[in-house]
Amino acid sequence: MEIKVRSLTTCEVAADGGAISLGFEDATGNPAAVSISLNQVGALLMTLPGLIETALKTRYGDQSLRYAYPLASWVLEQSTDTSQRIITLATEDGFKVRFSIPKAEQDLLGEALTQPMSEVTVRPN
């Protein structure tokens, strides 16, 4: 069954924390909701960035397009695993994403950030 969403109306966490609920209004104006288990939410979140970039590239026919969020702040903290740190990147509107970074990647990232922009190239790892 395909449901066309007109607008997202609510986002809630289940009382036990085991699921989230996304409320929306369908194309005909009727309210509806989908409940997604905590395990599946992680899978969904990992899928969405790739989908939005593919959609942009397809819609505009430009393979160089990227969906980028404006960085407003970042926090670096020590993980319980002492060989890793956690970096939190945040936008002004409250979107946050966290990455654990192994020591070797920390060094490479620090080095890349100190290079003049003209010398920085795409560095896939």
PDB file of N, CA and C in Angstrom:
ATOM      1  N   MET A   1       0.833  -1.169   0.000  1.00  0.00           N
ATOM      2  CA  MET A   1       0.000   0.000   0.000  1.00  0.00           C
ATOM      3  C   MET A   1       0.886   1.243   0.000  1.00  0.00           C
ATOM      4  N   GLU A   2       0.670   2.133  -0.944  1.00  0.00           N
ATOM      5  CA  GLU A   2       1.421   3.378  -1.017  1.00  0.00           C
ATOM      6  C   GLU A   2       0.581   4.488  -0.423  1.00  0.00           C
ATOM      7  N   ILE A   3       1.198   5.295   0.445  1.00  0.00           N
ATOM      8  CA  ILE A   3       0.529   6.441   1.042  1.00  0.00           C
ATOM      9  C   ILE A   3       1.321   7.680   0.658  1.00  0.00           C
ATOM     10  N   LYS A   4       0.663   8.628   0.047  1.00  0.00           N
ATOM     11  CA  LYS A   4       1.307   9.895  -0.304  1.00  0.00           C
ATOM     12  C   LYS A   4       1.109  10.856   0.857  1.00  0.00           C
ATOM     13  N   VAL A   5       2.215  11.393   1.366  1.00  0.00           N
ATOM     14  CA  VAL A   5       2.183  12.265   2.533  1.00  0.00           C
ATOM     15  C   VAL A   5       2.135  13.724   2.094  1.00  0.00           C
ATOM     16  N   ARG A   6       1.150  14.447   2.616  1.00  0.00           N
ATOM     17  CA  ARG A   6       1.042  15.887   2.353  1.00  0.00           C
ATOM     18  C   ARG A   6       1.930  16.655   3.319  1.00  0.00           C
ATOM     19  N   SER A   7       1.862  16.269   4.597  1.00  0.00           N
ATOM     20  CA  SER A   7       2.687  16.968   5.588  1.00  0.00           C
ATOM     21  C   SER A   7       2.912  16.085   6.809  1.00  0.00           C
ATOM     22  N   LEU A   8       4.056  16.251   7.401  1.00  0.00           N
ATOM     23  CA  LEU A   8       4.385  15.587   8.654  1.00  0.00           C
ATOM     24  C   LEU A   8       3.752  16.401   9.771  1.00  0.00           C
ATOM     25  N   THR A   9       3.054  15.750  10.696  1.00  0.00           N
ATOM     26  CA  THR A   9       2.341  16.488  11.737  1.00  0.00           C
ATOM     27  C   THR A   9       2.919  16.287  13.131  1.00  0.00           C
ATOM     28  N   THR A  10       3.331  15.071  13.449  1.00  0.00           N
ATOM     29  CA  THR A  10       3.867  14.796  14.784  1.00  0.00           C
ATOM     30  C   THR A  10       4.996  13.778  14.705  1.00  0.00           C
ATOM     31  N   CYS A  11       5.854  13.846  15.665  1.00  0.00           N
ATOM     32  CA  CYS A  11       6.920  12.853  15.832  1.00  0.00           C
ATOM     33  C   CYS A  11       6.976  12.554  17.320  1.00  0.00           C
ATOM     34  N   GLU A  12       6.814  11.288  17.686  1.00  0.00           N
ATOM     35  CA  GLU A  12       6.768  10.917  19.102  1.00  0.00           C
ATOM     36  C   GLU A  12       7.566   9.657  19.363  1.00  0.00           C
ATOM     37  N   VAL A  13       7.982   9.512  20.604  1.00  0.00           N
ATOM     38  CA  VAL A  13       8.672   8.310  21.057  1.00  0.00           C
ATOM     39  C   VAL A  13       7.691   7.516  21.911  1.00  0.00           C
ATOM     40  N   ALA A  14       7.633   6.196  21.705  1.00  0.00           N
ATOM     41  CA  ALA A  14       6.756   5.334  22.505  1.00  0.00           C
ATOM     42  C   ALA A  14       7.146   5.431  23.975  1.00  0.00           C
ATOM     43  N   ALA A  15       6.190   5.216  24.847  1.00  0.00           N
ATOM     44  CA  ALA A  15       6.420   5.324  26.290  1.00  0.00           C
ATOM     45  C   ALA A  15       7.575   4.450  26.770  1.00  0.00           C
ATOM     46  N   ASP A  16       7.748   3.287  26.160  1.00  0.00           N
ATOM     47  CA  ASP A  16       8.831   2.389  26.574  1.00  0.00           C
ATOM     48  C   ASP A  16      10.132   2.627  25.800  1.00  0.00           C
ATOM     49  N   GLY A  17      10.128   3.594  24.883  1.00  0.00           N
ATOM     50  CA  GLY A  17      11.320   3.898  24.096  1.00  0.00           C
ATOM     51  C   GLY A  17      11.616   2.886  23.008  1.00  0.00           C
ATOM     52  N   GLY A  18      10.734   1.937  22.781  1.00  0.00           N
ATOM     53  CA  GLY A  18      10.997   0.875  21.818  1.00  0.00           C
ATOM     54  C   GLY A  18      10.602   1.185  20.390  1.00  0.00           C
ATOM     55  N   ALA A  19       9.990   2.349  20.165  1.00  0.00           N
ATOM     56  CA  ALA A  19       9.546   2.701  18.810  1.00  0.00           C
ATOM     57  C   ALA A  19       9.355   4.201  18.723  1.00  0.00           C
ATOM     58  N   ILE A  20       9.262   4.682  17.497  1.00  0.00           N
ATOM     59  CA  ILE A  20       8.869   6.068  17.269  1.00  0.00           C
ATOM     60  C   ILE A  20       7.619   6.046  16.406  1.00  0.00           C
ATOM     61  N   SER A  21       6.863   7.115  16.468  1.00  0.00           N
ATOM     62  CA  SER A  21       5.665   7.255  15.657  1.00  0.00           C
ATOM     63  C   SER A  21       5.786   8.536  14.855  1.00  0.00           C
ATOM     64  N   LEU A  22       5.546   8.437  13.558  1.00  0.00           N
ATOM     65  CA  LEU A  22       5.532   9.602  12.685  1.00  0.00           C
ATOM     66  C   LEU A  22       4.090   9.824  12.249  1.00  0.00           C
ATOM     67  N   GLY A  23       3.534  10.944  12.690  1.00  0.00           N
ATOM     68  CA  GLY A  23       2.168  11.289  12.303  1.00  0.00           C
ATOM     69  C   GLY A  23       2.210  12.184  11.082  1.00  0.00           C
ATOM     70  N   PHE A  24       1.246  12.019  10.204  1.00  0.00           N
ATOM     71  CA  PHE A  24       1.212  12.825   9.004  1.00  0.00           C
ATOM     72  C   PHE A  24      -0.211  12.977   8.493  1.00  0.00           C
ATOM     73  N   GLU A  25      -0.349  13.856   7.535  1.00  0.00           N
ATOM     74  CA  GLU A  25      -1.612  14.038   6.835  1.00  0.00           C
ATOM     75  C   GLU A  25      -1.392  13.492   5.433  1.00  0.00           C
ATOM     76  N   ASP A  26      -2.275  12.630   4.988  1.00  0.00           N
ATOM     77  CA  ASP A  26      -2.101  12.059   3.650  1.00  0.00           C
ATOM     78  C   ASP A  26      -2.577  13.043   2.579  1.00  0.00           C
ATOM     79  N   ALA A  27      -2.426  12.672   1.329  1.00  0.00           N
ATOM     80  CA  ALA A  27      -2.739  13.553   0.205  1.00  0.00           C
ATOM     81  C   ALA A  27      -4.188  14.009   0.183  1.00  0.00           C
ATOM     82  N   THR A  28      -5.070  13.230   0.812  1.00  0.00           N
ATOM     83  CA  THR A  28      -6.489  13.616   0.843  1.00  0.00           C
ATOM     84  C   THR A  28      -6.863  14.365   2.126  1.00  0.00           C
ATOM     85  N   GLY A  29      -5.875  14.619   2.992  1.00  0.00           N
ATOM     86  CA  GLY A  29      -6.123  15.375   4.217  1.00  0.00           C
ATOM     87  C   GLY A  29      -6.432  14.540   5.435  1.00  0.00           C
ATOM     88  N   ASN A  30      -6.403  13.225   5.310  1.00  0.00           N
ATOM     89  CA  ASN A  30      -6.693  12.347   6.437  1.00  0.00           C
ATOM     90  C   ASN A  30      -5.456  12.135   7.301  1.00  0.00           C
ATOM     91  N   PRO A  31      -5.650  12.141   8.628  1.00  0.00           N
ATOM     92  CA  PRO A  31      -4.505  11.877   9.501  1.00  0.00           C
ATOM     93  C   PRO A  31      -4.142  10.396   9.483  1.00  0.00           C
ATOM     94  N   ALA A  32      -2.864  10.125   9.628  1.00  0.00           N
ATOM     95  CA  ALA A  32      -2.371   8.748   9.684  1.00  0.00           C
ATOM     96  C   ALA A  32      -1.062   8.768  10.457  1.00  0.00           C
ATOM     97  N   ALA A  33      -0.581   7.597  10.809  1.00  0.00           N
ATOM     98  CA  ALA A  33       0.690   7.492  11.519  1.00  0.00           C
ATOM     99  C   ALA A  33       1.338   6.166  11.176  1.00  0.00           C
ATOM    100  N   VAL A  34       2.647   6.156  11.289  1.00  0.00           N
ATOM    101  CA  VAL A  34       3.393   4.919  11.126  1.00  0.00           C
ATOM    102  C   VAL A  34       4.274   4.773  12.360  1.00  0.00           C
ATOM    103  N   SER A  35       4.281   3.574  12.917  1.00  0.00           N
ATOM    104  CA  SER A  35       5.093   3.283  14.080  1.00  0.00           C
ATOM    105  C   SER A  35       6.267   2.420  13.623  1.00  0.00           C
ATOM    106  N   ILE A  36       7.475   2.820  14.014  1.00  0.00           N
ATOM    107  CA  ILE A  36       8.688   2.127  13.575  1.00  0.00           C
ATOM    108  C   ILE A  36       9.482   1.712  14.806  1.00  0.00           C
ATOM    109  N   SER A  37       9.861   0.429  14.867  1.00  0.00           N
ATOM    110  CA  SER A  37      10.621  -0.063  16.021  1.00  0.00           C
ATOM    111  C   SER A  37      11.983   0.625  16.091  1.00  0.00           C
ATOM    112  N   LEU A  38      12.539   0.679  17.278  1.00  0.00           N
ATOM    113  CA  LEU A  38      13.836   1.309  17.492  1.00  0.00           C
ATOM    114  C   LEU A  38      14.895   0.697  16.572  1.00  0.00           C
ATOM    115  N   ASN A  39      14.892  -0.620  16.401  1.00  0.00           N
ATOM    116  CA  ASN A  39      15.859  -1.266  15.513  1.00  0.00           C
ATOM    117  C   ASN A  39      15.703  -0.792  14.076  1.00  0.00           C
ATOM    118  N   GLN A  40      14.470  -0.651  13.610  1.00  0.00           N
ATOM    119  CA  GLN A  40      14.238  -0.238  12.240  1.00  0.00           C
ATOM    120  C   GLN A  40      14.473   1.252  12.020  1.00  0.00           C
ATOM    121  N   VAL A  41      14.330   2.058  13.063  1.00  0.00           N
ATOM    122  CA  VAL A  41      14.595   3.492  12.952  1.00  0.00           C
ATOM    123  C   VAL A  41      16.057   3.708  12.567  1.00  0.00           C
ATOM    124  N   GLY A  42      16.963   2.961  13.183  1.00  0.00           N
ATOM    125  CA  GLY A  42      18.383   3.083  12.844  1.00  0.00           C
ATOM    126  C   GLY A  42      18.625   2.757  11.381  1.00  0.00           C
ATOM    127  N   ALA A  43      18.001   1.711  10.882  1.00  0.00           N
ATOM    128  CA  ALA A  43      18.149   1.341   9.476  1.00  0.00           C
ATOM    129  C   ALA A  43      17.598   2.437   8.571  1.00  0.00           C
ATOM    130  N   LEU A  44      16.468   3.011   8.960  1.00  0.00           N
ATOM    131  CA  LEU A  44      15.870   4.092   8.175  1.00  0.00           C
ATOM    132  C   LEU A  44      16.795   5.302   8.125  1.00  0.00           C
ATOM    133  N   LEU A  45      17.341   5.666   9.271  1.00  0.00           N
ATOM    134  CA  LEU A  45      18.229   6.828   9.325  1.00  0.00           C
ATOM    135  C   LEU A  45      19.477   6.645   8.473  1.00  0.00           C
ATOM    136  N   MET A  46      19.980   5.435   8.401  1.00  0.00           N
ATOM    137  CA  MET A  46      21.167   5.168   7.592  1.00  0.00           C
ATOM    138  C   MET A  46      20.836   5.215   6.102  1.00  0.00           C
ATOM    139  N   THR A  47      19.585   5.002   5.748  1.00  0.00           N
ATOM    140  CA  THR A  47      19.156   4.959   4.355  1.00  0.00           C
ATOM    141  C   THR A  47      18.792   6.332   3.799  1.00  0.00           C
ATOM    142  N   LEU A  48      18.220   7.192   4.623  1.00  0.00           N
ATOM    143  CA  LEU A  48      17.685   8.468   4.136  1.00  0.00           C
ATOM    144  C   LEU A  48      18.705   9.395   3.470  1.00  0.00           C
ATOM    145  N   PRO A  49      19.906   9.590   4.010  1.00  0.00           N
ATOM    146  CA  PRO A  49      20.841  10.510   3.335  1.00  0.00           C
ATOM    147  C   PRO A  49      21.161  10.090   1.904  1.00  0.00           C
ATOM    148  N   GLY A  50      21.361   8.807   1.673  1.00  0.00           N
ATOM    149  CA  GLY A  50      21.625   8.336   0.315  1.00  0.00           C
ATOM    150  C   GLY A  50      20.427   8.530  -0.597  1.00  0.00           C
ATOM    151  N   LEU A  51      19.234   8.308  -0.063  1.00  0.00           N
ATOM    152  CA  LEU A  51      18.025   8.488  -0.862  1.00  0.00           C
ATOM    153  C   LEU A  51      17.819   9.944  -1.269  1.00  0.00           C
ATOM    154  N   ILE A  52      18.053  10.868  -0.341  1.00  0.00           N
ATOM    155  CA  ILE A  52      17.838  12.282  -0.677  1.00  0.00           C
ATOM    156  C   ILE A  52      18.858  12.750  -1.708  1.00  0.00           C
ATOM    157  N   GLU A  53      20.103  12.280  -1.619  1.00  0.00           N
ATOM    158  CA  GLU A  53      21.090  12.658  -2.637  1.00  0.00           C
ATOM    159  C   GLU A  53      20.739  12.061  -3.990  1.00  0.00           C
ATOM    160  N   THR A  54      20.303  10.813  -4.016  1.00  0.00           N
ATOM    161  CA  THR A  54      19.903  10.192  -5.281  1.00  0.00           C
ATOM    162  C   THR A  54      18.720  10.926  -5.882  1.00  0.00           C
ATOM    163  N   ALA A  55      17.762  11.319  -5.046  1.00  0.00           N
ATOM    164  CA  ALA A  55      16.598  12.062  -5.532  1.00  0.00           C
ATOM    165  C   ALA A  55      17.009  13.402  -6.139  1.00  0.00           C
ATOM    166  N   LEU A  56      17.896  14.120  -5.467  1.00  0.00           N
ATOM    167  CA  LEU A  56      18.371  15.410  -5.997  1.00  0.00           C
ATOM    168  C   LEU A  56      19.068  15.245  -7.339  1.00  0.00           C
ATOM    169  N   LYS A  57      19.966  14.273  -7.412  1.00  0.00           N
ATOM    170  CA  LYS A  57      20.718  14.041  -8.649  1.00  0.00           C
ATOM    171  C   LYS A  57      19.793  13.638  -9.783  1.00  0.00           C
ATOM    172  N   THR A  58      18.797  12.831  -9.464  1.00  0.00           N
ATOM    173  CA  THR A  58      17.838  12.394 -10.477  1.00  0.00           C
ATOM    174  C   THR A  58      16.956  13.549 -10.924  1.00  0.00           C
ATOM    175  N   ARG A  59      16.442  14.298  -9.973  1.00  0.00           N
ATOM    176  CA  ARG A  59      15.524  15.395 -10.294  1.00  0.00           C
ATOM    177  C   ARG A  59      16.178  16.470 -11.147  1.00  0.00           C
ATOM    178  N   TYR A  60      17.428  16.817 -10.817  1.00  0.00           N
ATOM    179  CA  TYR A  60      18.091  17.916 -11.507  1.00  0.00           C
ATOM    180  C   TYR A  60      19.111  17.455 -12.545  1.00  0.00           C
ATOM    181  N   GLY A  61      19.316  16.151 -12.677  1.00  0.00           N
ATOM    182  CA  GLY A  61      20.232  15.640 -13.680  1.00  0.00           C
ATOM    183  C   GLY A  61      21.670  16.083 -13.480  1.00  0.00           C
ATOM    184  N   ASP A  62      22.057  16.299 -12.239  1.00  0.00           N
ATOM    185  CA  ASP A  62      23.394  16.793 -11.928  1.00  0.00           C
ATOM    186  C   ASP A  62      24.028  15.889 -10.880  1.00  0.00           C
ATOM    187  N   GLN A  63      24.983  15.076 -11.286  1.00  0.00           N
ATOM    188  CA  GLN A  63      25.611  14.115 -10.381  1.00  0.00           C
ATOM    189  C   GLN A  63      26.538  14.758  -9.360  1.00  0.00           C
ATOM    190  N   SER A  64      26.816  16.049  -9.491  1.00  0.00           N
ATOM    191  CA  SER A  64      27.691  16.713  -8.525  1.00  0.00           C
ATOM    192  C   SER A  64      26.928  17.252  -7.313  1.00  0.00           C
ATOM    193  N   LEU A  65      25.604  17.224  -7.351  1.00  0.00           N
ATOM    194  CA  LEU A  65      24.812  17.773  -6.242  1.00  0.00           C
ATOM    195  C   LEU A  65      25.023  16.976  -4.962  1.00  0.00           C
ATOM    196  N   ARG A  66      25.059  17.680  -3.845  1.00  0.00           N
ATOM    197  CA  ARG A  66      25.171  17.089  -2.515  1.00  0.00           C
ATOM    198  C   ARG A  66      24.138  17.774  -1.625  1.00  0.00           C
ATOM    199  N   TYR A  67      23.569  17.030  -0.710  1.00  0.00           N
ATOM    200  CA  TYR A  67      22.647  17.611   0.268  1.00  0.00           C
ATOM    201  C   TYR A  67      23.475  17.880   1.513  1.00  0.00           C
ATOM    202  N   ALA A  68      23.742  19.145   1.777  1.00  0.00           N
ATOM    203  CA  ALA A  68      24.622  19.508   2.892  1.00  0.00           C
ATOM    204  C   ALA A  68      23.858  20.357   3.911  1.00  0.00           C
ATOM    205  N   TYR A  69      24.084  20.058   5.166  1.00  0.00           N
ATOM    206  CA  TYR A  69      23.459  20.788   6.257  1.00  0.00           C
ATOM    207  C   TYR A  69      24.430  21.865   6.743  1.00  0.00           C
ATOM    208  N   PRO A  70      23.949  23.075   7.029  1.00  0.00           N
ATOM    209  CA  PRO A  70      24.848  24.124   7.527  1.00  0.00           C
ATOM    210  C   PRO A  70      25.261  23.832   8.982  1.00  0.00           C
ATOM    211  N   LEU A  71      26.536  23.690   9.196  1.00  0.00           N
ATOM    212  CA  LEU A  71      27.052  23.384  10.534  1.00  0.00           C
ATOM    213  C   LEU A  71      26.987  24.625  11.411  1.00  0.00           C
ATOM    214  N   ALA A  72      26.347  24.501  12.568  1.00  0.00           N
ATOM    215  CA  ALA A  72      26.263  25.611  13.520  1.00  0.00           C
ATOM    216  C   ALA A  72      27.188  25.382  14.705  1.00  0.00           C
ATOM    217  N   SER A  73      27.372  24.117  15.093  1.00  0.00           N
ATOM    218  CA  SER A  73      28.243  23.839  16.239  1.00  0.00           C
ATOM    219  C   SER A  73      28.734  22.401  16.179  1.00  0.00           C
ATOM    220  N   TRP A  74      29.773  22.132  16.939  1.00  0.00           N
ATOM    221  CA  TRP A  74      30.296  20.777  17.043  1.00  0.00           C
ATOM    222  C   TRP A  74      30.849  20.576  18.445  1.00  0.00           C
ATOM    223  N   VAL A  75      30.834  19.338  18.890  1.00  0.00           N
ATOM    224  CA  VAL A  75      31.352  18.961  20.201  1.00  0.00           C
ATOM    225  C   VAL A  75      32.197  17.710  20.018  1.00  0.00           C
ATOM    226  N   LEU A  76      33.362  17.709  20.630  1.00  0.00           N
ATOM    227  CA  LEU A  76      34.243  16.554  20.599  1.00  0.00           C
ATOM    228  C   LEU A  76      34.350  16.012  22.013  1.00  0.00           C
ATOM    229  N   GLU A  77      34.141  14.716  22.178  1.00  0.00           N
ATOM    230  CA  GLU A  77      34.225  14.117  23.513  1.00  0.00           C
ATOM    231  C   GLU A  77      34.911  12.762  23.453  1.00  0.00           C
ATOM    232  N   GLN A  78      35.422  12.339  24.582  1.00  0.00           N
ATOM    233  CA  GLN A  78      36.091  11.044  24.664  1.00  0.00           C
ATOM    234  C   GLN A  78      35.052   9.939  24.787  1.00  0.00           C
ATOM    235  N   SER A  79      35.232   8.896  24.000  1.00  0.00           N
ATOM    236  CA  SER A  79      34.374   7.722  24.087  1.00  0.00           C
ATOM    237  C   SER A  79      34.814   6.878  25.281  1.00  0.00           C
ATOM    238  N   THR A  80      33.971   5.954  25.705  1.00  0.00           N
ATOM    239  CA  THR A  80      34.401   5.009  26.741  1.00  0.00           C
ATOM    240  C   THR A  80      35.514   4.110  26.218  1.00  0.00           C
ATOM    241  N   ASP A  81      35.580   3.949  24.894  1.00  0.00           N
ATOM    242  CA  ASP A  81      36.698   3.262  24.239  1.00  0.00           C
ATOM    243  C   ASP A  81      37.770   4.328  24.024  1.00  0.00           C
ATOM    244  N   THR A  82      38.856   4.268  24.752  1.00  0.00           N
ATOM    245  CA  THR A  82      39.860   5.333  24.735  1.00  0.00           C
ATOM    246  C   THR A  82      40.576   5.498  23.394  1.00  0.00           C
ATOM    247  N   SER A  83      40.388   4.561  22.461  1.00  0.00           N
ATOM    248  CA  SER A  83      40.993   4.710  21.143  1.00  0.00           C
ATOM    249  C   SER A  83      40.083   5.492  20.193  1.00  0.00           C
ATOM    250  N   GLN A  84      38.931   5.906  20.676  1.00  0.00           N
ATOM    251  CA  GLN A  84      37.961   6.617  19.841  1.00  0.00           C
ATOM    252  C   GLN A  84      37.503   7.898  20.527  1.00  0.00           C
ATOM    253  N   ARG A  85      37.088   8.856  19.723  1.00  0.00           N
ATOM    254  CA  ARG A  85      36.406  10.043  20.213  1.00  0.00           C
ATOM    255  C   ARG A  85      35.064  10.106  19.500  1.00  0.00           C
ATOM    256  N   ILE A  86      34.160  10.862  20.077  1.00  0.00           N
ATOM    257  CA  ILE A  86      32.841  11.061  19.476  1.00  0.00           C
ATOM    258  C   ILE A  86      32.732  12.521  19.086  1.00  0.00           C
ATOM    259  N   ILE A  87      32.372  12.755  17.831  1.00  0.00           N
ATOM    260  CA  ILE A  87      32.135  14.123  17.384  1.00  0.00           C
ATOM    261  C   ILE A  87      30.651  14.276  17.096  1.00  0.00           C
ATOM    262  N   THR A  88      30.076  15.336  17.631  1.00  0.00           N
ATOM    263  CA  THR A  88      28.680  15.676  17.389  1.00  0.00           C
ATOM    264  C   THR A  88      28.651  16.926  16.530  1.00  0.00           C
ATOM    265  N   LEU A  89      27.977  16.842  15.398  1.00  0.00           N
ATOM    266  CA  LEU A  89      27.805  17.974  14.494  1.00  0.00           C
ATOM    267  C   LEU A  89      26.347  18.391  14.569  1.00  0.00           C
ATOM    268  N   ALA A  90      26.091  19.698  14.685  1.00  0.00           N
ATOM    269  CA  ALA A  90      24.712  20.168  14.864  1.00  0.00           C
ATOM    270  C   ALA A  90      24.404  21.373  13.984  1.00  0.00           C
ATOM    271  N   THR A  91      23.140  21.471  13.576  1.00  0.00           N
ATOM    272  CA  THR A  91      22.653  22.631  12.835  1.00  0.00           C
ATOM    273  C   THR A  91      21.927  23.560  13.802  1.00  0.00           C
ATOM    274  N   GLU A  92      21.624  24.769  13.349  1.00  0.00           N
ATOM    275  CA  GLU A  92      20.924  25.726  14.205  1.00  0.00           C
ATOM    276  C   GLU A  92      19.522  25.262  14.571  1.00  0.00           C
ATOM    277  N   ASP A  93      18.894  24.466  13.713  1.00  0.00           N
ATOM    278  CA  ASP A  93      17.515  24.043  13.980  1.00  0.00           C
ATOM    279  C   ASP A  93      17.416  22.775  14.820  1.00  0.00           C
ATOM    280  N   GLY A  94      18.553  22.305  15.363  1.00  0.00           N
ATOM    281  CA  GLY A  94      18.515  21.200  16.309  1.00  0.00           C
ATOM    282  C   GLY A  94      18.865  19.827  15.757  1.00  0.00           C
ATOM    283  N   PHE A  95      19.120  19.716  14.466  1.00  0.00           N
ATOM    284  CA  PHE A  95      19.527  18.428  13.905  1.00  0.00           C
ATOM    285  C   PHE A  95      20.946  18.120  14.379  1.00  0.00           C
ATOM    286  N   LYS A  96      21.154  16.912  14.877  1.00  0.00           N
ATOM    287  CA  LYS A  96      22.473  16.487  15.349  1.00  0.00           C
ATOM    288  C   LYS A  96      22.799  15.111  14.806  1.00  0.00           C
ATOM    289  N   VAL A  97      24.067  14.896  14.538  1.00  0.00           N
ATOM    290  CA  VAL A  97      24.540  13.575  14.156  1.00  0.00           C
ATOM    291  C   VAL A  97      25.867  13.353  14.866  1.00  0.00           C
ATOM    292  N   ARG A  98      26.064  12.112  15.312  1.00  0.00           N
ATOM    293  CA  ARG A  98      27.285  11.771  16.046  1.00  0.00           C
ATOM    294  C   ARG A  98      28.037  10.671  15.316  1.00  0.00           C
ATOM    295  N   PHE A  99      29.353  10.811  15.317  1.00  0.00           N
ATOM    296  CA  PHE A  99      30.220   9.802  14.724  1.00  0.00           C
ATOM    297  C   PHE A  99      31.293   9.439  15.730  1.00  0.00           C
ATOM    298  N   SER A 100      31.618   8.154  15.809  1.00  0.00           N
ATOM    299  CA  SER A 100      32.789   7.751  16.583  1.00  0.00           C
ATOM    300  C   SER A 100      33.958   7.745  15.607  1.00  0.00           C
ATOM    301  N   ILE A 101      35.085   8.282  16.054  1.00  0.00           N
ATOM    302  CA  ILE A 101      36.232   8.425  15.163  1.00  0.00           C
ATOM    303  C   ILE A 101      37.438   7.711  15.762  1.00  0.00           C
ATOM    304  N   PRO A 102      37.962   6.673  15.076  1.00  0.00           N
ATOM    305  CA  PRO A 102      39.176   6.005  15.543  1.00  0.00           C
ATOM    306  C   PRO A 102      40.366   6.968  15.475  1.00  0.00           C
ATOM    307  N   LYS A 103      41.377   6.702  16.266  1.00  0.00           N
ATOM    308  CA  LYS A 103      42.549   7.581  16.367  1.00  0.00           C
ATOM    309  C   LYS A 103      43.152   7.912  15.002  1.00  0.00           C
ATOM    310  N   ALA A 104      43.347   6.929  14.139  1.00  0.00           N
ATOM    311  CA  ALA A 104      43.959   7.184  12.833  1.00  0.00           C
ATOM    312  C   ALA A 104      43.126   8.172  12.011  1.00  0.00           C
ATOM    313  N   GLU A 105      41.803   8.040  12.082  1.00  0.00           N
ATOM    314  CA  GLU A 105      40.939   8.954  11.342  1.00  0.00           C
ATOM    315  C   GLU A 105      40.953  10.350  11.953  1.00  0.00           C
ATOM    316  N   GLN A 106      41.121  10.449  13.278  1.00  0.00           N
ATOM    317  CA  GLN A 106      41.214  11.749  13.932  1.00  0.00           C
ATOM    318  C   GLN A 106      42.409  12.520  13.380  1.00  0.00           C
ATOM    319  N   ASP A 107      43.532  11.827  13.252  1.00  0.00           N
ATOM    320  CA  ASP A 107      44.738  12.458  12.733  1.00  0.00           C
ATOM    321  C   ASP A 107      44.539  12.931  11.299  1.00  0.00           C
ATOM    322  N   LEU A 108      43.945  12.081  10.452  1.00  0.00           N
ATOM    323  CA  LEU A 108      43.714  12.450   9.058  1.00  0.00           C
ATOM    324  C   LEU A 108      42.740  13.620   8.935  1.00  0.00           C
ATOM    325  N   LEU A 109      41.681  13.600   9.745  1.00  0.00           N
ATOM    326  CA  LEU A 109      40.704  14.678   9.710  1.00  0.00           C
ATOM    327  C   LEU A 109      41.339  15.991  10.148  1.00  0.00           C
ATOM    328  N   GLY A 110      42.094  15.948  11.243  1.00  0.00           N
ATOM    329  CA  GLY A 110      42.770  17.154  11.721  1.00  0.00           C
ATOM    330  C   GLY A 110      43.709  17.721  10.674  1.00  0.00           C
ATOM    331  N   GLU A 111      44.446  16.850  10.017  1.00  0.00           N
ATOM    332  CA  GLU A 111      45.365  17.280   8.967  1.00  0.00           C
ATOM    333  C   GLU A 111      44.599  17.909   7.800  1.00  0.00           C
ATOM    334  N   ALA A 112      43.528  17.278   7.379  1.00  0.00           N
ATOM    335  CA  ALA A 112      42.738  17.791   6.253  1.00  0.00           C
ATOM    336  C   ALA A 112      42.139  19.155   6.575  1.00  0.00           C
ATOM    337  N   LEU A 113      41.698  19.364   7.815  1.00  0.00           N
ATOM    338  CA  LEU A 113      41.077  20.627   8.198  1.00  0.00           C
ATOM    339  C   LEU A 113      42.074  21.774   8.299  1.00  0.00           C
ATOM    340  N   THR A 114      43.355  21.472   8.413  1.00  0.00           N
ATOM    341  CA  THR A 114      44.360  22.531   8.531  1.00  0.00           C
ATOM    342  C   THR A 114      44.944  22.943   7.180  1.00  0.00           C
ATOM    343  N   GLN A 115      44.611  22.211   6.121  1.00  0.00           N
ATOM    344  CA  GLN A 115      45.131  22.529   4.787  1.00  0.00           C
ATOM    345  C   GLN A 115      44.331  23.681   4.172  1.00  0.00           C
ATOM    346  N   PRO A 116      45.015  24.563   3.408  1.00  0.00           N
ATOM    347  CA  PRO A 116      44.284  25.595   2.674  1.00  0.00           C
ATOM    348  C   PRO A 116      43.264  24.936   1.749  1.00  0.00           C
ATOM    349  N   MET A 117      42.138  25.581   1.533  1.00  0.00           N
ATOM    350  CA  MET A 117      41.062  24.990   0.722  1.00  0.00           C
ATOM    351  C   MET A 117      41.530  24.580  -0.666  1.00  0.00           C
ATOM    352  N   SER A 118      42.443  25.329  -1.265  1.00  0.00           N
ATOM    353  CA  SER A 118      42.890  24.984  -2.613  1.00  0.00           C
ATOM    354  C   SER A 118      43.645  23.648  -2.641  1.00  0.00           C
ATOM    355  N   GLU A 119      44.154  23.209  -1.486  1.00  0.00           N
ATOM    356  CA  GLU A 119      44.909  21.962  -1.418  1.00  0.00           C
ATOM    357  C   GLU A 119      44.061  20.789  -0.956  1.00  0.00           C
ATOM    358  N   VAL A 120      42.840  21.060  -0.486  1.00  0.00           N
ATOM    359  CA  VAL A 120      41.984  19.994   0.015  1.00  0.00           C
ATOM    360  C   VAL A 120      41.270  19.337  -1.164  1.00  0.00           C
ATOM    361  N   THR A 121      41.344  18.044  -1.222  1.00  0.00           N
ATOM    362  CA  THR A 121      40.625  17.282  -2.235  1.00  0.00           C
ATOM    363  C   THR A 121      39.722  16.294  -1.525  1.00  0.00           C
ATOM    364  N   VAL A 122      38.867  15.666  -2.265  1.00  0.00           N
ATOM    365  CA  VAL A 122      38.009  14.647  -1.679  1.00  0.00           C
ATOM    366  C   VAL A 122      38.900  13.534  -1.179  1.00  0.00           C
ATOM    367  N   ARG A 123      38.722  13.151   0.086  1.00  0.00           N
ATOM    368  CA  ARG A 123      39.549  12.116   0.694  1.00  0.00           C
ATOM    369  C   ARG A 123      38.690  10.985   1.207  1.00  0.00           C
ATOM    370  N   PRO A 124      38.249  10.125   0.302  1.00  0.00           N
ATOM    371  CA  PRO A 124      37.438   8.993   0.797  1.00  0.00           C
ATOM    372  C   PRO A 124      38.294   8.040   1.597  1.00  0.00           C
ATOM    373  N   ASN A 125      37.719   7.499   2.648  1.00  0.00           N
ATOM    374  CA  ASN A 125      38.435   6.541   3.490  1.00  0.00           C
ATOM    375  C   ASN A 125      37.682   5.242   3.539  1.00  0.00           C
TER     376      ASN A 125
END
